[in-house]
């Protein structure tokens, strides 16, 4: 079952920004799988090959979407630490950062907070203890 399609169609309307015109970057999904967004900085490890992660539930698919967007924003943030005058990368960072924040909020509405700092002031109980624990089948 394609949980990514479910995640993007119904649960999280956030699309990953398209930067295909920028030839020095992997796509956000490929960069996430490889652990590096920048093609010129990526060196494969030995004979290992990476494989794409396959989420097993809509929750995992939405969480992975958040992780991909936050990964891309973080990679660009690191780049901008040493290339602060690169306006194209700054614009791309701002786009990924906004998408990551939106995706995170949409995830939290559907599945609950990702971190204790995301709990709102109106909270009367811990929502994460109401569902299955991470080691239980989800």
C-alpha atoms as a PDB file:
ATOM      1  CA  UNK A   1       0.000   0.000   0.000  1.00  0.00           C
ATOM      2  CA  UNK A   2       1.298   3.466  -0.833  1.00  0.00           C
ATOM      3  CA  UNK A   3       1.082   5.278   2.500  1.00  0.00           C
ATOM      4  CA  UNK A   4       2.917   8.328   1.121  1.00  0.00           C
ATOM      5  CA  UNK A   5       0.027   8.938  -1.260  1.00  0.00           C
ATOM      6  CA  UNK A   6      -2.426   8.712   1.661  1.00  0.00           C
ATOM      7  CA  UNK A   7      -0.295  11.073   3.687  1.00  0.00           C
ATOM      8  CA  UNK A   8       0.011  13.714   1.005  1.00  0.00           C
ATOM      9  CA  UNK A   9      -3.545  13.452  -0.317  1.00  0.00           C
ATOM     10  CA  UNK A  10      -5.624  13.427   2.836  1.00  0.00           C
ATOM     11  CA  UNK A  11      -3.603  13.851   5.965  1.00  0.00           C
ATOM     12  CA  UNK A  12      -0.834  16.239   5.017  1.00  0.00           C
ATOM     13  CA  UNK A  13      -1.281  18.528   2.071  1.00  0.00           C
ATOM     14  CA  UNK A  14       2.348  19.604   2.202  1.00  0.00           C
ATOM     15  CA  UNK A  15       4.350  18.944  -0.946  1.00  0.00           C
ATOM     16  CA  UNK A  16       8.123  18.752  -0.996  1.00  0.00           C
ATOM     17  CA  UNK A  17       9.518  21.813  -2.814  1.00  0.00           C
ATOM     18  CA  UNK A  18      10.871  21.229  -6.302  1.00  0.00           C
ATOM     19  CA  UNK A  19      14.475  22.284  -6.802  1.00  0.00           C
ATOM     20  CA  UNK A  20      15.137  20.154  -9.864  1.00  0.00           C
ATOM     21  CA  UNK A  21      16.621  23.199 -11.601  1.00  0.00           C
ATOM     22  CA  UNK A  22      19.454  23.167  -9.055  1.00  0.00           C
ATOM     23  CA  UNK A  23      21.833  20.488 -10.318  1.00  0.00           C
ATOM     24  CA  UNK A  24      24.116  20.520  -7.268  1.00  0.00           C
ATOM     25  CA  UNK A  25      21.402  19.121  -4.976  1.00  0.00           C
ATOM     26  CA  UNK A  26      19.774  15.738  -4.635  1.00  0.00           C
ATOM     27  CA  UNK A  27      16.011  15.754  -4.256  1.00  0.00           C
ATOM     28  CA  UNK A  28      15.006  16.063  -0.608  1.00  0.00           C
ATOM     29  CA  UNK A  29      13.877  12.426  -0.513  1.00  0.00           C
ATOM     30  CA  UNK A  30      17.056  11.106  -2.137  1.00  0.00           C
ATOM     31  CA  UNK A  31      19.237  13.313   0.065  1.00  0.00           C
ATOM     32  CA  UNK A  32      17.394  12.036   3.140  1.00  0.00           C
ATOM     33  CA  UNK A  33      18.029   8.434   2.092  1.00  0.00           C
ATOM     34  CA  UNK A  34      21.700   9.134   1.337  1.00  0.00           C
ATOM     35  CA  UNK A  35      22.273  11.376   4.346  1.00  0.00           C
ATOM     36  CA  UNK A  36      23.504  14.317   2.258  1.00  0.00           C
ATOM     37  CA  UNK A  37      21.631  16.890   0.189  1.00  0.00           C
ATOM     38  CA  UNK A  38      24.700  18.039  -1.756  1.00  0.00           C
ATOM     39  CA  UNK A  39      25.869  15.903  -4.689  1.00  0.00           C
ATOM     40  CA  UNK A  40      29.442  17.203  -4.590  1.00  0.00           C
ATOM     41  CA  UNK A  41      29.794  16.287  -0.905  1.00  0.00           C
ATOM     42  CA  UNK A  42      28.355  12.775  -1.094  1.00  0.00           C
ATOM     43  CA  UNK A  43      30.727   9.826  -1.152  1.00  0.00           C
ATOM     44  CA  UNK A  44      29.240   6.328  -1.038  1.00  0.00           C
ATOM     45  CA  UNK A  45      30.559   4.114   1.741  1.00  0.00           C
ATOM     46  CA  UNK A  46      32.396   1.121   0.350  1.00  0.00           C
ATOM     47  CA  UNK A  47      30.184  -1.282  -1.556  1.00  0.00           C
ATOM     48  CA  UNK A  48      27.071  -0.356   0.412  1.00  0.00           C
ATOM     49  CA  UNK A  49      23.922   0.671  -1.400  1.00  0.00           C
ATOM     50  CA  UNK A  50      21.195   2.728   0.164  1.00  0.00           C
ATOM     51  CA  UNK A  51      17.580   1.774  -0.145  1.00  0.00           C
ATOM     52  CA  UNK A  52      14.486   3.919   0.177  1.00  0.00           C
ATOM     53  CA  UNK A  53      12.633   3.594   3.450  1.00  0.00           C
ATOM     54  CA  UNK A  54       9.094   2.262   3.140  1.00  0.00           C
ATOM     55  CA  UNK A  55       6.641   3.464   5.791  1.00  0.00           C
ATOM     56  CA  UNK A  56       4.247   0.817   7.111  1.00  0.00           C
ATOM     57  CA  UNK A  57       1.387   3.083   8.162  1.00  0.00           C
ATOM     58  CA  UNK A  58      -0.073   6.507   7.394  1.00  0.00           C
ATOM     59  CA  UNK A  59       1.458   7.793  10.651  1.00  0.00           C
ATOM     60  CA  UNK A  60       4.928   6.624   9.634  1.00  0.00           C
ATOM     61  CA  UNK A  61       4.494   8.131   6.164  1.00  0.00           C
ATOM     62  CA  UNK A  62       3.539  11.509   7.601  1.00  0.00           C
ATOM     63  CA  UNK A  63       6.378  11.402  10.113  1.00  0.00           C
ATOM     64  CA  UNK A  64       8.817  10.567   7.336  1.00  0.00           C
ATOM     65  CA  UNK A  65       7.514  13.531   5.340  1.00  0.00           C
ATOM     66  CA  UNK A  66       8.284  15.774   8.337  1.00  0.00           C
ATOM     67  CA  UNK A  67      11.746  14.228   8.677  1.00  0.00           C
ATOM     68  CA  UNK A  68      12.553  14.699   4.982  1.00  0.00           C
ATOM     69  CA  UNK A  69      11.566  18.367   5.050  1.00  0.00           C
ATOM     70  CA  UNK A  70      13.407  19.059   8.308  1.00  0.00           C
ATOM     71  CA  UNK A  71      16.490  17.235   6.978  1.00  0.00           C
ATOM     72  CA  UNK A  72      16.570  19.386   3.827  1.00  0.00           C
ATOM     73  CA  UNK A  73      16.102  22.593   5.837  1.00  0.00           C
ATOM     74  CA  UNK A  74      18.885  21.557   8.229  1.00  0.00           C
ATOM     75  CA  UNK A  75      21.292  20.693   5.396  1.00  0.00           C
ATOM     76  CA  UNK A  76      20.663  24.075   3.777  1.00  0.00           C
ATOM     77  CA  UNK A  77      21.072  25.784   7.157  1.00  0.00           C
ATOM     78  CA  UNK A  78      24.518  24.217   7.521  1.00  0.00           C
ATOM     79  CA  UNK A  79      25.437  25.332   4.004  1.00  0.00           C
ATOM     80  CA  UNK A  80      24.281  28.884   4.735  1.00  0.00           C
ATOM     81  CA  UNK A  81      26.536  29.025   7.806  1.00  0.00           C
ATOM     82  CA  UNK A  82      29.469  29.313   5.392  1.00  0.00           C
ATOM     83  CA  UNK A  83      27.710  30.785   2.327  1.00  0.00           C
ATOM     84  CA  UNK A  84      25.506  33.478   3.840  1.00  0.00           C
ATOM     85  CA  UNK A  85      25.368  35.504   0.595  1.00  0.00           C
ATOM     86  CA  UNK A  86      23.831  32.710  -1.506  1.00  0.00           C
ATOM     87  CA  UNK A  87      20.352  34.150  -2.077  1.00  0.00           C
ATOM     88  CA  UNK A  88      19.041  31.150  -4.037  1.00  0.00           C
ATOM     89  CA  UNK A  89      19.934  28.732  -1.259  1.00  0.00           C
ATOM     90  CA  UNK A  90      18.522  31.114   1.342  1.00  0.00           C
ATOM     91  CA  UNK A  91      15.226  31.231  -0.558  1.00  0.00           C
ATOM     92  CA  UNK A  92      15.240  27.426  -0.818  1.00  0.00           C
ATOM     93  CA  UNK A  93      15.985  27.144   2.914  1.00  0.00           C
ATOM     94  CA  UNK A  94      13.074  29.464   3.713  1.00  0.00           C
ATOM     95  CA  UNK A  95      10.790  27.366   1.521  1.00  0.00           C
ATOM     96  CA  UNK A  96      11.850  24.069   3.118  1.00  0.00           C
ATOM     97  CA  UNK A  97      11.695  25.548   6.608  1.00  0.00           C
ATOM     98  CA  UNK A  98       8.148  26.840   6.062  1.00  0.00           C
ATOM     99  CA  UNK A  99       7.098  23.484   4.585  1.00  0.00           C
ATOM    100  CA  UNK A 100       8.668  21.606   7.504  1.00  0.00           C
ATOM    101  CA  UNK A 101       6.855  23.756  10.064  1.00  0.00           C
ATOM    102  CA  UNK A 102       3.550  23.290   8.267  1.00  0.00           C
ATOM    103  CA  UNK A 103       4.060  19.534   7.920  1.00  0.00           C
ATOM    104  CA  UNK A 104       4.961  19.274  11.606  1.00  0.00           C
ATOM    105  CA  UNK A 105       1.814  21.156  12.657  1.00  0.00           C
ATOM    106  CA  UNK A 106      -0.352  18.993  10.399  1.00  0.00           C
ATOM    107  CA  UNK A 107       1.251  15.850  11.842  1.00  0.00           C
ATOM    108  CA  UNK A 108       0.612  17.053  15.396  1.00  0.00           C
ATOM    109  CA  UNK A 109      -3.058  17.771  14.645  1.00  0.00           C
ATOM    110  CA  UNK A 110      -3.528  14.252  13.307  1.00  0.00           C
ATOM    111  CA  UNK A 111      -1.213  12.199  15.530  1.00  0.00           C
ATOM    112  CA  UNK A 112      -0.220  14.311  18.540  1.00  0.00           C
ATOM    113  CA  UNK A 113       2.931  16.191  19.565  1.00  0.00           C
ATOM    114  CA  UNK A 114       6.371  15.146  18.372  1.00  0.00           C
ATOM    115  CA  UNK A 115       8.196  16.602  21.378  1.00  0.00           C
ATOM    116  CA  UNK A 116       7.267  17.630  24.892  1.00  0.00           C
ATOM    117  CA  UNK A 117       7.904  21.260  23.876  1.00  0.00           C
ATOM    118  CA  UNK A 118       5.053  20.920  21.350  1.00  0.00           C
ATOM    119  CA  UNK A 119       2.418  20.295  24.033  1.00  0.00           C
ATOM    120  CA  UNK A 120       0.042  23.251  24.266  1.00  0.00           C
ATOM    121  CA  UNK A 121      -0.959  24.996  27.501  1.00  0.00           C
ATOM    122  CA  UNK A 122      -4.483  23.515  27.373  1.00  0.00           C
ATOM    123  CA  UNK A 123      -3.151  19.975  27.720  1.00  0.00           C
ATOM    124  CA  UNK A 124      -4.830  18.043  30.542  1.00  0.00           C
ATOM    125  CA  UNK A 125      -3.203  14.669  29.861  1.00  0.00           C
ATOM    126  CA  UNK A 126      -0.368  13.180  27.876  1.00  0.00           C
ATOM    127  CA  UNK A 127      -1.871  12.202  24.517  1.00  0.00           C
ATOM    128  CA  UNK A 128       0.981   9.849  23.624  1.00  0.00           C
ATOM    129  CA  UNK A 129       0.111   7.430  26.456  1.00  0.00           C
ATOM    130  CA  UNK A 130      -3.362   6.885  24.987  1.00  0.00           C
ATOM    131  CA  UNK A 131      -2.177   5.119  21.838  1.00  0.00           C
ATOM    132  CA  UNK A 132       0.088   2.153  21.265  1.00  0.00           C
ATOM    133  CA  UNK A 133       3.662   2.418  22.478  1.00  0.00           C
ATOM    134  CA  UNK A 134       6.429   2.578  19.848  1.00  0.00           C
ATOM    135  CA  UNK A 135       7.321  -1.089  20.334  1.00  0.00           C
ATOM    136  CA  UNK A 136       3.702  -2.128  19.811  1.00  0.00           C
ATOM    137  CA  UNK A 137       2.558  -2.762  16.244  1.00  0.00           C
ATOM    138  CA  UNK A 138       1.194   0.485  14.734  1.00  0.00           C
END
